[in-house]
Every structure is written in structure tokens, then in C-alpha cells.
Amino acid sequence: STSPKGRGVSPLANRRGEEEEGEVEKLRTKLQLTQRMVEELAAANQELDSALFESIESAQNDQEELRQLRERSEELEDLLRTREVEVQALHGVEEALIAHASGSDARMEEAGRALQHAERMQREA
């Protein structure tokens, strides 16, 4: 109903206003849901970032550990080669002592060659 001075709102305008308010309320609800979803996605993204960082850090640590193990393995291989040469040299000395003790000139010459060979290998190693 309209007042004589035209200040009143017609029923049609009143209904249109209520519909608009309903639409605004629906949009507010959608906006709130969207904001919540954005916050949840941001939190999930943060968790993924943290997990990824930990994974990268772990892989780097594993890589460093593997590098150290390789270095140690190379050191041990070098040591083993040195020990093998030393054992060969000792065998040469043993042969020379046996030959000397038995007095065999041929065995002494053979042992001497073996000893020289072992010494040469030791110098090269």
C-alpha cells in the first residue's frame, strides 16, 4: 500500500527486494564456503610443501651418505691392493729363505726373481 505522499513501497517492489536479499544471502553463503575451501586448500598445500621439503632433505642426506660410503669403499679397495702386494712380497721373501736354507742355487735365483717382481709391484702400487 502506498501512502498519499508516495513514500510507501508497492507489494511488487517489496517482493523484489526480498528476492534480492535472498540472492545476496545465497551469494554470501557461497562466498563463505569458497573462503573455507580456499583456507583448507592452503592448509593442505602447506602440508604438501612441508612433506616435499622433508623428502628432498632426506634424499640429499641419503645422497651424501652414499658419497661417503663410496669414498670409504675406494679407500678399502686401495688398502686391499696394498695388502695383496705386501703378501706377494712376503711370499717372495719366504721363497728366498727356503731356497737359502736348502742351498739350492736354482731355487735361490727363482726366489730372487720373485722377490724383485714383488718389490716392483709394491713400488707401482
Foldseek 3Di string as FASTA:
>chain_A
DADPVRPDDDPVRVVVVVVVVVVVVVVVVVVVVVVVVVVVVVVVVVVVVVVVVVVVVVVVVVVVVVVVVVVVVVVVVVVVQLVVLVVQLVVLVVQCVVCVVVVPPVSNVVSVVSNVVSVVSNVVD
